[in-house]
Amino acid sequence: RSCLLPASKIFPLIEARLHDPHLFVQKAVGWTLREASQCYPKETRAFIKKRLLDLSGVAFTSAVEKFAQKEKDALKHRRRDGRKLQRGALFRKEKQDDPSS
């Protein structure tokens, strides 16, 4: 498999689009990560783990599509647990900021 861009170019491009609201941009983020994992598996897995909570559901699903089921499941659980913690922290902050409580 040929790699057209070095990892040092790919990941900053992905990083810049992580929070784009458009569905097809998020699909492209996931597809790019999926394809990058073929050329740069260690770097791509490290990026996904680092940005796990920032990836949209669409991007995450595409990105891990070709991972082994065990690894995919572990990342899904880690992502779910991280999102629960984020929601809990946000709820606590909102409650602290609410003057009526």
N, C-alpha and C. Protein backbone atom coordinates (compact mmCIF):
# COMPACT_ATOMS: atom_id res chain seq x y z
N ARG A 1 0.85 -1.19 0.00
CA ARG A 1 0.00 0.00 0.00
C ARG A 1 0.89 1.24 0.00
N SER A 2 0.64 2.15 -0.92
CA SER A 2 1.47 3.35 -0.97
C SER A 2 0.86 4.43 -0.08
N CYS A 3 1.73 5.18 0.54
CA CYS A 3 1.31 6.27 1.42
C CYS A 3 1.65 7.58 0.73
N LEU A 4 0.65 8.34 0.39
CA LEU A 4 0.85 9.56 -0.37
C LEU A 4 1.37 10.72 0.48
N LEU A 5 0.95 10.77 1.72
CA LEU A 5 1.38 11.84 2.62
C LEU A 5 2.05 11.25 3.85
N PRO A 6 3.04 11.94 4.39
CA PRO A 6 3.62 11.47 5.65
C PRO A 6 2.65 11.72 6.80
N ALA A 7 2.81 10.96 7.85
CA ALA A 7 1.94 11.10 9.03
C ALA A 7 1.97 12.52 9.58
N SER A 8 3.11 13.17 9.49
CA SER A 8 3.24 14.53 10.02
C SER A 8 2.35 15.53 9.28
N LYS A 9 1.89 15.18 8.10
CA LYS A 9 0.97 16.04 7.34
C LYS A 9 -0.48 15.62 7.54
N ILE A 10 -0.70 14.32 7.66
CA ILE A 10 -2.07 13.80 7.75
C ILE A 10 -2.76 14.21 9.05
N PHE A 11 -2.10 14.00 10.17
CA PHE A 11 -2.77 14.22 11.46
C PHE A 11 -3.13 15.68 11.73
N PRO A 12 -2.30 16.66 11.36
CA PRO A 12 -2.75 18.05 11.52
C PRO A 12 -3.98 18.39 10.67
N LEU A 13 -4.07 17.79 9.48
CA LEU A 13 -5.25 18.02 8.64
C LEU A 13 -6.50 17.45 9.31
N ILE A 14 -6.37 16.27 9.88
CA ILE A 14 -7.51 15.65 10.58
C ILE A 14 -7.88 16.47 11.81
N GLU A 15 -6.87 16.86 12.56
CA GLU A 15 -7.08 17.63 13.79
C GLU A 15 -7.91 18.90 13.50
N ALA A 16 -7.62 19.54 12.39
CA ALA A 16 -8.31 20.78 12.03
C ALA A 16 -9.79 20.56 11.71
N ARG A 17 -10.19 19.33 11.44
CA ARG A 17 -11.57 19.04 11.05
C ARG A 17 -12.35 18.23 12.08
N LEU A 18 -11.77 17.97 13.22
CA LEU A 18 -12.44 17.12 14.23
C LEU A 18 -13.81 17.65 14.66
N HIS A 19 -13.95 18.95 14.75
CA HIS A 19 -15.20 19.51 15.27
C HIS A 19 -16.08 20.13 14.19
N ASP A 20 -15.78 19.82 12.94
CA ASP A 20 -16.61 20.31 11.83
C ASP A 20 -17.99 19.68 11.95
N PRO A 21 -19.05 20.48 11.83
CA PRO A 21 -20.41 19.94 12.04
C PRO A 21 -20.99 19.15 10.86
N HIS A 22 -20.34 19.16 9.72
CA HIS A 22 -20.91 18.51 8.54
C HIS A 22 -20.65 17.01 8.52
N LEU A 23 -21.69 16.26 8.24
CA LEU A 23 -21.63 14.80 8.25
C LEU A 23 -20.54 14.27 7.33
N PHE A 24 -20.47 14.79 6.12
CA PHE A 24 -19.52 14.22 5.17
C PHE A 24 -18.08 14.57 5.52
N VAL A 25 -17.88 15.67 6.22
CA VAL A 25 -16.54 15.99 6.71
C VAL A 25 -16.16 14.98 7.79
N GLN A 26 -17.10 14.64 8.66
CA GLN A 26 -16.82 13.66 9.70
C GLN A 26 -16.57 12.27 9.11
N LYS A 27 -17.31 11.94 8.05
CA LYS A 27 -17.05 10.67 7.36
C LYS A 27 -15.63 10.68 6.79
N ALA A 28 -15.24 11.81 6.22
CA ALA A 28 -13.90 11.94 5.64
C ALA A 28 -12.82 11.81 6.71
N VAL A 29 -13.08 12.36 7.89
CA VAL A 29 -12.13 12.22 9.01
C VAL A 29 -11.96 10.74 9.34
N GLY A 30 -13.06 10.03 9.45
CA GLY A 30 -13.00 8.60 9.75
C GLY A 30 -12.33 7.79 8.66
N TRP A 31 -12.67 8.08 7.42
CA TRP A 31 -12.06 7.36 6.29
C TRP A 31 -10.56 7.61 6.24
N THR A 32 -10.18 8.86 6.48
CA THR A 32 -8.76 9.20 6.45
C THR A 32 -8.01 8.46 7.55
N LEU A 33 -8.58 8.41 8.73
CA LEU A 33 -7.95 7.66 9.82
C LEU A 33 -7.88 6.17 9.50
N ARG A 34 -8.94 5.64 8.94
CA ARG A 34 -8.95 4.23 8.57
C ARG A 34 -7.84 3.92 7.57
N GLU A 35 -7.70 4.76 6.56
CA GLU A 35 -6.67 4.54 5.55
C GLU A 35 -5.27 4.81 6.10
N ALA A 36 -5.15 5.80 6.98
CA ALA A 36 -3.85 6.10 7.59
C ALA A 36 -3.39 4.93 8.45
N SER A 37 -4.33 4.21 9.03
CA SER A 37 -3.95 3.07 9.89
C SER A 37 -3.30 1.95 9.08
N GLN A 38 -3.52 1.96 7.76
CA GLN A 38 -2.87 0.96 6.91
C GLN A 38 -1.40 1.29 6.71
N CYS A 39 -1.08 2.58 6.64
CA CYS A 39 0.31 3.04 6.42
C CYS A 39 1.04 3.31 7.72
N TYR A 40 0.33 3.89 8.67
CA TYR A 40 0.93 4.32 9.94
C TYR A 40 0.11 3.77 11.11
N PRO A 41 0.13 2.45 11.31
CA PRO A 41 -0.76 1.87 12.34
C PRO A 41 -0.48 2.38 13.76
N LYS A 42 0.77 2.46 14.16
CA LYS A 42 1.06 2.90 15.53
C LYS A 42 0.64 4.35 15.75
N GLU A 43 0.99 5.22 14.80
CA GLU A 43 0.68 6.63 14.92
C GLU A 43 -0.84 6.88 14.90
N THR A 44 -1.52 6.13 14.04
CA THR A 44 -2.96 6.30 13.93
C THR A 44 -3.66 5.83 15.20
N ARG A 45 -3.25 4.70 15.72
CA ARG A 45 -3.87 4.22 16.97
C ARG A 45 -3.60 5.18 18.12
N ALA A 46 -2.41 5.73 18.18
CA ALA A 46 -2.09 6.71 19.22
C ALA A 46 -2.96 7.95 19.07
N PHE A 47 -3.16 8.40 17.84
CA PHE A 47 -4.01 9.57 17.59
C PHE A 47 -5.44 9.29 18.00
N ILE A 48 -5.96 8.14 17.62
CA ILE A 48 -7.35 7.80 17.98
C ILE A 48 -7.51 7.72 19.49
N LYS A 49 -6.57 7.11 20.17
CA LYS A 49 -6.66 7.01 21.63
C LYS A 49 -6.59 8.39 22.28
N LYS A 50 -5.72 9.25 21.76
CA LYS A 50 -5.56 10.59 22.32
C LYS A 50 -6.81 11.44 22.09
N ARG A 51 -7.43 11.30 20.93
CA ARG A 51 -8.57 12.14 20.56
C ARG A 51 -9.90 11.38 20.60
N LEU A 52 -9.94 10.31 21.35
CA LEU A 52 -11.09 9.42 21.41
C LEU A 52 -12.40 10.15 21.69
N LEU A 53 -12.38 11.08 22.62
CA LEU A 53 -13.61 11.77 22.99
C LEU A 53 -13.93 12.92 22.04
N ASP A 54 -12.98 13.31 21.21
CA ASP A 54 -13.21 14.39 20.26
C ASP A 54 -13.76 13.89 18.93
N LEU A 55 -13.57 12.61 18.64
CA LEU A 55 -14.06 12.05 17.38
C LEU A 55 -15.58 11.93 17.43
N SER A 56 -16.24 12.32 16.35
CA SER A 56 -17.69 12.12 16.27
C SER A 56 -17.96 10.62 16.16
N GLY A 57 -19.18 10.23 16.40
CA GLY A 57 -19.55 8.82 16.27
C GLY A 57 -19.29 8.28 14.87
N VAL A 58 -19.61 9.09 13.87
CA VAL A 58 -19.41 8.69 12.47
C VAL A 58 -17.92 8.50 12.20
N ALA A 59 -17.10 9.46 12.62
CA ALA A 59 -15.65 9.38 12.39
C ALA A 59 -15.06 8.19 13.13
N PHE A 60 -15.47 8.00 14.38
CA PHE A 60 -14.94 6.89 15.18
C PHE A 60 -15.28 5.54 14.54
N THR A 61 -16.52 5.37 14.14
CA THR A 61 -16.96 4.10 13.54
C THR A 61 -16.15 3.77 12.29
N SER A 62 -15.96 4.75 11.43
CA SER A 62 -15.17 4.52 10.22
C SER A 62 -13.70 4.28 10.54
N ALA A 63 -13.18 5.02 11.49
CA ALA A 63 -11.75 4.94 11.82
C ALA A 63 -11.36 3.55 12.32
N VAL A 64 -12.21 2.93 13.11
CA VAL A 64 -11.86 1.63 13.71
C VAL A 64 -12.45 0.44 12.95
N GLU A 65 -13.02 0.70 11.81
CA GLU A 65 -13.70 -0.34 11.02
C GLU A 65 -12.85 -1.57 10.76
N LYS A 66 -11.57 -1.38 10.48
CA LYS A 66 -10.70 -2.51 10.14
C LYS A 66 -9.87 -3.01 11.31
N PHE A 67 -10.12 -2.50 12.50
CA PHE A 67 -9.40 -2.97 13.69
C PHE A 67 -9.95 -4.35 14.08
N ALA A 68 -9.16 -5.09 14.80
CA ALA A 68 -9.63 -6.37 15.34
C ALA A 68 -10.80 -6.11 16.29
N GLN A 69 -11.74 -7.03 16.34
CA GLN A 69 -12.95 -6.84 17.15
C GLN A 69 -12.62 -6.54 18.61
N LYS A 70 -11.66 -7.22 19.16
CA LYS A 70 -11.29 -7.02 20.57
C LYS A 70 -10.79 -5.59 20.80
N GLU A 71 -9.96 -5.10 19.90
CA GLU A 71 -9.45 -3.73 20.03
C GLU A 71 -10.58 -2.71 19.83
N LYS A 72 -11.44 -2.97 18.86
CA LYS A 72 -12.60 -2.10 18.60
C LYS A 72 -13.48 -1.99 19.84
N ASP A 73 -13.78 -3.15 20.44
CA ASP A 73 -14.62 -3.17 21.64
C ASP A 73 -13.98 -2.42 22.80
N ALA A 74 -12.68 -2.60 22.99
CA ALA A 74 -11.97 -1.90 24.07
C ALA A 74 -12.05 -0.39 23.88
N LEU A 75 -11.86 0.08 22.64
CA LEU A 75 -11.94 1.51 22.37
C LEU A 75 -13.36 2.03 22.56
N LYS A 76 -14.36 1.24 22.15
CA LYS A 76 -15.76 1.64 22.33
C LYS A 76 -16.08 1.81 23.82
N HIS A 77 -15.62 0.86 24.64
CA HIS A 77 -15.88 0.94 26.09
C HIS A 77 -15.17 2.15 26.70
N ARG A 78 -13.94 2.36 26.29
CA ARG A 78 -13.17 3.50 26.81
C ARG A 78 -13.84 4.81 26.41
N ARG A 79 -14.33 4.88 25.18
CA ARG A 79 -15.01 6.08 24.68
C ARG A 79 -16.32 6.31 25.45
N ARG A 80 -17.08 5.24 25.63
CA ARG A 80 -18.35 5.36 26.36
C ARG A 80 -18.12 5.83 27.79
N ASP A 81 -17.13 5.23 28.46
CA ASP A 81 -16.85 5.62 29.84
C ASP A 81 -16.36 7.06 29.93
N GLY A 82 -15.54 7.46 28.99
CA GLY A 82 -15.05 8.84 28.96
C GLY A 82 -16.17 9.84 28.73
N ARG A 83 -17.09 9.48 27.87
CA ARG A 83 -18.23 10.37 27.60
C ARG A 83 -19.14 10.48 28.84
N LYS A 84 -19.31 9.39 29.56
CA LYS A 84 -20.11 9.44 30.80
C LYS A 84 -19.47 10.39 31.79
N LEU A 85 -18.15 10.30 31.92
CA LEU A 85 -17.43 11.19 32.83
C LEU A 85 -17.57 12.65 32.40
N GLN A 86 -17.48 12.90 31.11
CA GLN A 86 -17.65 14.26 30.59
C GLN A 86 -19.03 14.80 30.92
N ARG A 87 -20.05 13.99 30.66
CA ARG A 87 -21.43 14.42 30.93
C ARG A 87 -21.63 14.68 32.42
N GLY A 88 -21.06 13.82 33.27
CA GLY A 88 -21.18 14.02 34.71
C GLY A 88 -20.51 15.30 35.16
N ALA A 89 -19.35 15.60 34.62
CA ALA A 89 -18.63 16.83 34.96
C ALA A 89 -19.42 18.04 34.49
N LEU A 90 -19.99 17.97 33.31
CA LEU A 90 -20.79 19.07 32.77
C LEU A 90 -22.03 19.29 33.63
N PHE A 91 -22.68 18.21 34.03
CA PHE A 91 -23.87 18.31 34.87
C PHE A 91 -23.53 18.97 36.22
N ARG A 92 -22.41 18.54 36.82
CA ARG A 92 -22.00 19.13 38.10
C ARG A 92 -21.69 20.61 37.95
N LYS A 93 -21.05 20.99 36.86
CA LYS A 93 -20.71 22.39 36.62
C LYS A 93 -21.99 23.21 36.44
N GLU A 94 -22.95 22.70 35.66
CA GLU A 94 -24.20 23.41 35.45
C GLU A 94 -24.94 23.59 36.78
N LYS A 95 -24.89 22.57 37.60
CA LYS A 95 -25.58 22.64 38.89
C LYS A 95 -24.93 23.68 39.79
N GLN A 96 -23.60 23.76 39.77
CA GLN A 96 -22.88 24.77 40.56
C GLN A 96 -23.18 26.17 40.07
N ASP A 97 -23.33 26.34 38.76
CA ASP A 97 -23.56 27.66 38.16
C ASP A 97 -25.00 28.11 38.27
N ASP A 98 -25.92 27.20 38.62
CA ASP A 98 -27.34 27.51 38.70
C ASP A 98 -27.63 28.24 40.01
N PRO A 99 -28.02 29.53 39.95
CA PRO A 99 -28.27 30.28 41.18
C PRO A 99 -29.52 29.83 41.94
N SER A 100 -30.44 29.11 41.28
CA SER A 100 -31.66 28.67 41.95
C SER A 100 -31.47 27.42 42.80
N SER A 101 -30.29 26.77 42.68
CA SER A 101 -30.12 25.53 43.46
C SER A 101 -29.36 25.77 44.73
